[in-house]
PDB file of N, CA and C in Angstrom:
ATOM      1  N   UNK A   1       6.060  21.767   3.330  1.00  0.00           N
ATOM      2  CA  UNK A   1       4.830  21.837   2.564  1.00  0.00           C
ATOM      3  C   UNK A   1       4.480  23.290   2.232  1.00  0.00           C
ATOM      4  N   UNK A   2       4.684  24.176   3.205  1.00  0.00           N
ATOM      5  CA  UNK A   2       4.386  25.586   2.945  1.00  0.00           C
ATOM      6  C   UNK A   2       5.257  26.140   1.817  1.00  0.00           C
ATOM      7  N   UNK A   3       6.536  25.753   1.826  1.00  0.00           N
ATOM      8  CA  UNK A   3       7.467  26.222   0.784  1.00  0.00           C
ATOM      9  C   UNK A   3       6.988  25.758  -0.587  1.00  0.00           C
ATOM     10  N   UNK A   4       6.539  24.506  -0.657  1.00  0.00           N
ATOM     11  CA  UNK A   4       6.066  23.953  -1.925  1.00  0.00           C
ATOM     12  C   UNK A   4       4.814  24.686  -2.392  1.00  0.00           C
ATOM     13  N   UNK A   5       3.850  24.860  -1.493  1.00  0.00           N
ATOM     14  CA  UNK A   5       2.609  25.563  -1.862  1.00  0.00           C
ATOM     15  C   UNK A   5       2.910  26.982  -2.368  1.00  0.00           C
ATOM     16  N   UNK A   6       3.793  27.675  -1.659  1.00  0.00           N
ATOM     17  CA  UNK A   6       4.129  29.045  -2.058  1.00  0.00           C
ATOM     18  C   UNK A   6       4.770  29.071  -3.448  1.00  0.00           C
ATOM     19  N   UNK A   7       5.646  28.117  -3.722  1.00  0.00           N
ATOM     20  CA  UNK A   7       6.294  28.064  -5.034  1.00  0.00           C
ATOM     21  C   UNK A   7       5.282  27.779  -6.134  1.00  0.00           C
ATOM     22  N   UNK A   8       4.379  26.844  -5.888  1.00  0.00           N
ATOM     23  CA  UNK A   8       3.369  26.491  -6.888  1.00  0.00           C
ATOM     24  C   UNK A   8       2.422  27.667  -7.115  1.00  0.00           C
ATOM     25  N   UNK A   9       1.994  28.323  -6.036  1.00  0.00           N
ATOM     26  CA  UNK A   9       1.101  29.480  -6.177  1.00  0.00           C
ATOM     27  C   UNK A   9       1.762  30.620  -6.939  1.00  0.00           C
ATOM     28  N   UNK A  10       3.084  30.723  -6.815  1.00  0.00           N
ATOM     29  CA  UNK A  10       3.816  31.768  -7.532  1.00  0.00           C
ATOM     30  C   UNK A  10       4.087  31.366  -8.982  1.00  0.00           C
ATOM     31  N   UNK A  11       3.642  30.162  -9.364  1.00  0.00           N
ATOM     32  CA  UNK A  11       3.812  29.711 -10.740  1.00  0.00           C
ATOM     33  C   UNK A  11       5.115  28.983 -10.992  1.00  0.00           C
ATOM     34  N   UNK A  12       5.844  28.657  -9.936  1.00  0.00           N
ATOM     35  CA  UNK A  12       7.122  27.970 -10.096  1.00  0.00           C
ATOM     36  C   UNK A  12       7.082  26.562  -9.553  1.00  0.00           C
ATOM     37  N   UNK A  13       8.253  25.987  -9.471  1.00  0.00           N
ATOM     38  CA  UNK A  13       8.416  24.643  -8.938  1.00  0.00           C
ATOM     39  C   UNK A  13       9.629  24.680  -8.026  1.00  0.00           C
ATOM     40  N   UNK A  14       9.479  24.186  -6.800  1.00  0.00           N
ATOM     41  CA  UNK A  14      10.569  24.289  -5.835  1.00  0.00           C
ATOM     42  C   UNK A  14      11.496  23.079  -5.839  1.00  0.00           C
ATOM     43  N   UNK A  15      11.378  22.210  -6.812  1.00  0.00           N
ATOM     44  CA  UNK A  15      12.248  21.037  -6.891  1.00  0.00           C
ATOM     45  C   UNK A  15      13.520  21.376  -7.659  1.00  0.00           C
ATOM     46  N   UNK A  16      14.600  20.724  -7.289  1.00  0.00           N
ATOM     47  CA  UNK A  16      15.881  21.000  -7.930  1.00  0.00           C
ATOM     48  C   UNK A  16      16.150  20.091  -9.116  1.00  0.00           C
ATOM     49  N   UNK A  17      15.271  19.123  -9.348  1.00  0.00           N
ATOM     50  CA  UNK A  17      15.441  18.228 -10.485  1.00  0.00           C
ATOM     51  C   UNK A  17      14.229  18.348 -11.391  1.00  0.00           C
ATOM     52  N   UNK A  18      14.350  17.816 -12.585  1.00  0.00           N
ATOM     53  CA  UNK A  18      13.271  17.953 -13.561  1.00  0.00           C
ATOM     54  C   UNK A  18      12.028  17.169 -13.146  1.00  0.00           C
ATOM     55  N   UNK A  19      10.907  17.596 -13.671  1.00  0.00           N
ATOM     56  CA  UNK A  19       9.642  16.896 -13.406  1.00  0.00           C
ATOM     57  C   UNK A  19       9.732  15.456 -13.910  1.00  0.00           C
ATOM     58  N   UNK A  20      10.374  15.254 -15.058  1.00  0.00           N
ATOM     59  CA  UNK A  20      10.515  13.909 -15.616  1.00  0.00           C
ATOM     60  C   UNK A  20      11.259  12.989 -14.644  1.00  0.00           C
ATOM     61  N   UNK A  21      12.335  13.491 -14.042  1.00  0.00           N
ATOM     62  CA  UNK A  21      13.088  12.689 -13.077  1.00  0.00           C
ATOM     63  C   UNK A  21      12.261  12.432 -11.819  1.00  0.00           C
ATOM     64  N   UNK A  22      11.527  13.426 -11.360  1.00  0.00           N
ATOM     65  CA  UNK A  22      10.659  13.249 -10.186  1.00  0.00           C
ATOM     66  C   UNK A  22       9.652  12.130 -10.451  1.00  0.00           C
ATOM     67  N   UNK A  23       9.032  12.147 -11.621  1.00  0.00           N
ATOM     68  CA  UNK A  23       8.035  11.131 -11.942  1.00  0.00           C
ATOM     69  C   UNK A  23       8.677   9.760 -12.111  1.00  0.00           C
ATOM     70  N   UNK A  24       9.838   9.694 -12.762  1.00  0.00           N
ATOM     71  CA  UNK A  24      10.517   8.424 -12.955  1.00  0.00           C
ATOM     72  C   UNK A  24      10.911   7.815 -11.600  1.00  0.00           C
ATOM     73  N   UNK A  25      11.336   8.638 -10.674  1.00  0.00           N
ATOM     74  CA  UNK A  25      11.811   8.164  -9.376  1.00  0.00           C
ATOM     75  C   UNK A  25      10.677   7.886  -8.404  1.00  0.00           C
ATOM     76  N   UNK A  26       9.649   8.736  -8.382  1.00  0.00           N
ATOM     77  CA  UNK A  26       8.655   8.682  -7.314  1.00  0.00           C
ATOM     78  C   UNK A  26       7.235   8.330  -7.745  1.00  0.00           C
ATOM     79  N   UNK A  27       6.988   8.137  -9.023  1.00  0.00           N
ATOM     80  CA  UNK A  27       5.614   7.923  -9.482  1.00  0.00           C
ATOM     81  C   UNK A  27       5.016   6.630  -8.938  1.00  0.00           C
ATOM     82  N   UNK A  28       5.820   5.574  -8.907  1.00  0.00           N
ATOM     83  CA  UNK A  28       5.305   4.280  -8.459  1.00  0.00           C
ATOM     84  C   UNK A  28       5.774   3.972  -7.046  1.00  0.00           C
ATOM     85  N   UNK A  29       4.848   3.514  -6.241  1.00  0.00           N
ATOM     86  CA  UNK A  29       5.146   3.142  -4.863  1.00  0.00           C
ATOM     87  C   UNK A  29       5.753   1.741  -4.865  1.00  0.00           C
ATOM     88  N   UNK A  30       6.926   1.570  -4.254  1.00  0.00           N
ATOM     89  CA  UNK A  30       7.600   0.277  -4.280  1.00  0.00           C
ATOM     90  C   UNK A  30       7.524  -0.483  -2.958  1.00  0.00           C
ATOM     91  N   UNK A  31       6.586  -0.121  -2.098  1.00  0.00           N
ATOM     92  CA  UNK A  31       6.453  -0.807  -0.805  1.00  0.00           C
ATOM     93  C   UNK A  31       6.255  -2.310  -0.964  1.00  0.00           C
ATOM     94  N   UNK A  32       5.373  -2.696  -1.860  1.00  0.00           N
ATOM     95  CA  UNK A  32       5.104  -4.129  -2.049  1.00  0.00           C
ATOM     96  C   UNK A  32       6.352  -4.878  -2.510  1.00  0.00           C
ATOM     97  N   UNK A  33       7.094  -4.290  -3.431  1.00  0.00           N
ATOM     98  CA  UNK A  33       8.325  -4.936  -3.911  1.00  0.00           C
ATOM     99  C   UNK A  33       9.338  -5.074  -2.780  1.00  0.00           C
ATOM    100  N   UNK A  34       9.459  -4.058  -1.951  1.00  0.00           N
ATOM    101  CA  UNK A  34      10.384  -4.127  -0.818  1.00  0.00           C
ATOM    102  C   UNK A  34       9.975  -5.225   0.152  1.00  0.00           C
ATOM    103  N   UNK A  35       8.672  -5.327   0.415  1.00  0.00           N
ATOM    104  CA  UNK A  35       8.176  -6.393   1.297  1.00  0.00           C
ATOM    105  C   UNK A  35       8.507  -7.772   0.724  1.00  0.00           C
ATOM    106  N   UNK A  36       8.281  -7.946  -0.580  1.00  0.00           N
ATOM    107  CA  UNK A  36       8.560  -9.249  -1.206  1.00  0.00           C
ATOM    108  C   UNK A  36      10.038  -9.603  -1.135  1.00  0.00           C
ATOM    109  N   UNK A  37      10.906  -8.611  -1.204  1.00  0.00           N
ATOM    110  CA  UNK A  37      12.344  -8.862  -1.137  1.00  0.00           C
ATOM    111  C   UNK A  37      12.829  -9.004   0.300  1.00  0.00           C
ATOM    112  N   UNK A  38      11.950  -8.738   1.272  1.00  0.00           N
ATOM    113  CA  UNK A  38      12.330  -8.863   2.669  1.00  0.00           C
ATOM    114  C   UNK A  38      13.193  -7.724   3.169  1.00  0.00           C
ATOM    115  N   UNK A  39      13.132  -6.602   2.490  1.00  0.00           N
ATOM    116  CA  UNK A  39      13.922  -5.438   2.894  1.00  0.00           C
ATOM    117  C   UNK A  39      13.127  -4.633   3.914  1.00  0.00           C
ATOM    118  N   UNK A  40      13.673  -4.449   5.122  1.00  0.00           N
ATOM    119  CA  UNK A  40      12.941  -3.660   6.119  1.00  0.00           C
ATOM    120  C   UNK A  40      12.959  -2.178   5.759  1.00  0.00           C
ATOM    121  N   UNK A  41      11.845  -1.515   5.986  1.00  0.00           N
ATOM    122  CA  UNK A  41      11.773  -0.083   5.749  1.00  0.00           C
ATOM    123  C   UNK A  41      10.673   0.509   6.609  1.00  0.00           C
ATOM    124  N   UNK A  42      10.754   1.789   6.822  1.00  0.00           N
ATOM    125  CA  UNK A  42       9.739   2.537   7.552  1.00  0.00           C
ATOM    126  C   UNK A  42       9.250   3.661   6.663  1.00  0.00           C
ATOM    127  N   UNK A  43       7.999   4.003   6.806  1.00  0.00           N
ATOM    128  CA  UNK A  43       7.429   5.114   6.062  1.00  0.00           C
ATOM    129  C   UNK A  43       7.248   6.275   7.025  1.00  0.00           C
ATOM    130  N   UNK A  44       7.844   7.415   6.703  1.00  0.00           N
ATOM    131  CA  UNK A  44       7.721   8.614   7.515  1.00  0.00           C
ATOM    132  C   UNK A  44       6.839   9.596   6.761  1.00  0.00           C
ATOM    133  N   UNK A  45       5.733   9.987   7.373  1.00  0.00           N
ATOM    134  CA  UNK A  45       4.824  10.932   6.741  1.00  0.00           C
ATOM    135  C   UNK A  45       5.428  12.327   6.850  1.00  0.00           C
ATOM    136  N   UNK A  46       6.065  12.783   5.794  1.00  0.00           N
ATOM    137  CA  UNK A  46       6.715  14.087   5.825  1.00  0.00           C
ATOM    138  C   UNK A  46       5.813  15.192   5.283  1.00  0.00           C
ATOM    139  N   UNK A  47       4.534  14.911   5.173  1.00  0.00           N
ATOM    140  CA  UNK A  47       3.591  15.927   4.720  1.00  0.00           C
ATOM    141  C   UNK A  47       2.996  16.707   5.888  1.00  0.00           C
ATOM    142  N   UNK A  48       3.343  16.309   7.100  1.00  0.00           N
ATOM    143  CA  UNK A  48       2.825  16.984   8.275  1.00  0.00           C
ATOM    144  C   UNK A  48       3.544  18.314   8.474  1.00  0.00           C
ATOM    145  N   UNK A  49       2.841  19.281   9.016  1.00  0.00           N
ATOM    146  CA  UNK A  49       3.449  20.576   9.304  1.00  0.00           C
ATOM    147  C   UNK A  49       4.334  20.458  10.539  1.00  0.00           C
ATOM    148  N   UNK A  50       5.388  21.222  10.577  1.00  0.00           N
ATOM    149  CA  UNK A  50       6.279  21.236  11.729  1.00  0.00           C
ATOM    150  C   UNK A  50       7.192  20.023  11.733  1.00  0.00           C
ATOM    151  N   UNK A  51       7.905  19.855  12.832  1.00  0.00           N
ATOM    152  CA  UNK A  51       8.845  18.743  12.906  1.00  0.00           C
ATOM    153  C   UNK A  51       8.547  17.800  14.066  1.00  0.00           C
ATOM    154  N   UNK A  52       7.369  17.903  14.659  1.00  0.00           N
ATOM    155  CA  UNK A  52       7.008  17.064  15.791  1.00  0.00           C
ATOM    156  C   UNK A  52       7.004  15.583  15.472  1.00  0.00           C
ATOM    157  N   UNK A  53       6.738  15.232  14.236  1.00  0.00           N
ATOM    158  CA  UNK A  53       6.682  13.821  13.850  1.00  0.00           C
ATOM    159  C   UNK A  53       8.067  13.196  13.768  1.00  0.00           C
ATOM    160  N   UNK A  54       9.112  14.000  13.692  1.00  0.00           N
ATOM    161  CA  UNK A  54      10.454  13.458  13.506  1.00  0.00           C
ATOM    162  C   UNK A  54      10.939  12.652  14.705  1.00  0.00           C
ATOM    163  N   UNK A  55      10.622  13.086  15.910  1.00  0.00           N
ATOM    164  CA  UNK A  55      11.039  12.348  17.096  1.00  0.00           C
ATOM    165  C   UNK A  55      10.491  10.938  17.084  1.00  0.00           C
ATOM    166  N   UNK A  56       9.212  10.817  16.743  1.00  0.00           N
ATOM    167  CA  UNK A  56       8.590   9.498  16.672  1.00  0.00           C
ATOM    168  C   UNK A  56       9.218   8.669  15.557  1.00  0.00           C
ATOM    169  N   UNK A  57       9.470   9.276  14.418  1.00  0.00           N
ATOM    170  CA  UNK A  57      10.068   8.554  13.289  1.00  0.00           C
ATOM    171  C   UNK A  57      11.460   8.064  13.650  1.00  0.00           C
ATOM    172  N   UNK A  58      12.226   8.889  14.333  1.00  0.00           N
ATOM    173  CA  UNK A  58      13.580   8.488  14.736  1.00  0.00           C
ATOM    174  C   UNK A  58      13.509   7.318  15.705  1.00  0.00           C
ATOM    175  N   UNK A  59      12.559   7.352  16.642  1.00  0.00           N
ATOM    176  CA  UNK A  59      12.392   6.238  17.579  1.00  0.00           C
ATOM    177  C   UNK A  59      12.072   4.946  16.830  1.00  0.00           C
ATOM    178  N   UNK A  60      11.244   5.037  15.809  1.00  0.00           N
ATOM    179  CA  UNK A  60      10.902   3.857  15.007  1.00  0.00           C
ATOM    180  C   UNK A  60      12.132   3.295  14.302  1.00  0.00           C
ATOM    181  N   UNK A  61      12.942   4.172  13.723  1.00  0.00           N
ATOM    182  CA  UNK A  61      14.145   3.737  13.016  1.00  0.00           C
ATOM    183  C   UNK A  61      15.108   3.061  13.981  1.00  0.00           C
ATOM    184  N   UNK A  62      15.330   3.661  15.129  1.00  0.00           N
ATOM    185  CA  UNK A  62      16.244   3.086  16.119  1.00  0.00           C
ATOM    186  C   UNK A  62      15.734   1.727  16.583  1.00  0.00           C
ATOM    187  N   UNK A  63      14.442   1.604  16.837  1.00  0.00           N
ATOM    188  CA  UNK A  63      13.873   0.322  17.270  1.00  0.00           C
ATOM    189  C   UNK A  63      14.056  -0.745  16.191  1.00  0.00           C
ATOM    190  N   UNK A  64      13.842  -0.378  14.932  1.00  0.00           N
ATOM    191  CA  UNK A  64      14.025  -1.335  13.840  1.00  0.00           C
ATOM    192  C   UNK A  64      15.488  -1.772  13.740  1.00  0.00           C
ATOM    193  N   UNK A  65      16.398  -0.825  13.838  1.00  0.00           N
ATOM    194  CA  UNK A  65      17.823  -1.161  13.771  1.00  0.00           C
ATOM    195  C   UNK A  65      18.234  -2.072  14.935  1.00  0.00           C
ATOM    196  N   UNK A  66      17.777  -1.760  16.139  1.00  0.00           N
ATOM    197  CA  UNK A  66      18.090  -2.602  17.296  1.00  0.00           C
ATOM    198  C   UNK A  66      17.569  -4.019  17.077  1.00  0.00           C
ATOM    199  N   UNK A  67      16.370  -4.127  16.572  1.00  0.00           N
ATOM    200  CA  UNK A  67      15.764  -5.433  16.311  1.00  0.00           C
ATOM    201  C   UNK A  67      16.601  -6.228  15.312  1.00  0.00           C
ATOM    202  N   UNK A  68      17.026  -5.570  14.237  1.00  0.00           N
ATOM    203  CA  UNK A  68      17.826  -6.250  13.211  1.00  0.00           C
ATOM    204  C   UNK A  68      19.185  -6.665  13.766  1.00  0.00           C
ATOM    205  N   UNK A  69      19.802  -5.799  14.565  1.00  0.00           N
ATOM    206  CA  UNK A  69      21.109  -6.122  15.161  1.00  0.00           C
ATOM    207  C   UNK A  69      20.974  -7.298  16.103  1.00  0.00           C
ATOM    208  N   UNK A  70      19.927  -7.285  16.930  1.00  0.00           N
ATOM    209  CA  UNK A  70      19.708  -8.383  17.882  1.00  0.00           C
ATOM    210  C   UNK A  70      19.449  -9.709  17.166  1.00  0.00           C
ATOM    211  N   UNK A  71      18.634  -9.670  16.114  1.00  0.00           N
ATOM    212  CA  UNK A  71      18.344 -10.918  15.398  1.00  0.00           C
ATOM    213  C   UNK A  71      19.571 -11.417  14.649  1.00  0.00           C
ATOM    214  N   UNK A  72      20.399 -10.517  14.148  1.00  0.00           N
ATOM    215  CA  UNK A  72      21.643 -10.921  13.474  1.00  0.00           C
ATOM    216  C   UNK A  72      22.596 -11.542  14.479  1.00  0.00           C
ATOM    217  N   UNK A  73      22.629 -11.027  15.702  1.00  0.00           N
ATOM    218  CA  UNK A  73      23.485 -11.580  16.752  1.00  0.00           C
ATOM    219  C   UNK A  73      23.069 -12.978  17.160  1.00  0.00           C
ATOM    220  N   UNK A  74      21.785 -13.265  17.096  1.00  0.00           N
ATOM    221  CA  UNK A  74      21.290 -14.604  17.454  1.00  0.00           C
ATOM    222  C   UNK A  74      21.614 -15.624  16.372  1.00  0.00           C
ATOM    223  N   UNK A  75      21.804 -15.142  15.131  1.00  0.00           N
ATOM    224  CA  UNK A  75      22.103 -16.064  14.025  1.00  0.00           C
ATOM    225  C   UNK A  75      23.559 -16.499  14.030  1.00  0.00           C
ATOM    226  N   UNK A  76      24.427 -15.774  14.723  1.00  0.00           N
ATOM    227  CA  UNK A  76      25.865 -16.112  14.742  1.00  0.00           C
ATOM    228  C   UNK A  76      26.150 -17.360  15.515  1.00  0.00           C
TER     229      UNK A  76
END
């Protein structure tokens, strides 16, 4: 976040792709569509400063994967 703020304050943009592509890819939130399709996903808040949130996010991902593996094993 600090890198982004510094780039914007300096009058630039720190993204490596065009603004048009950023908007086409990220403008609309697709959480509802993913839920309707039954696709499991986790949301990681990457706007937080530092990396302390990553440990918790990784634990969530591992727990979700274990759950999916276990439920797939029961279906066999």
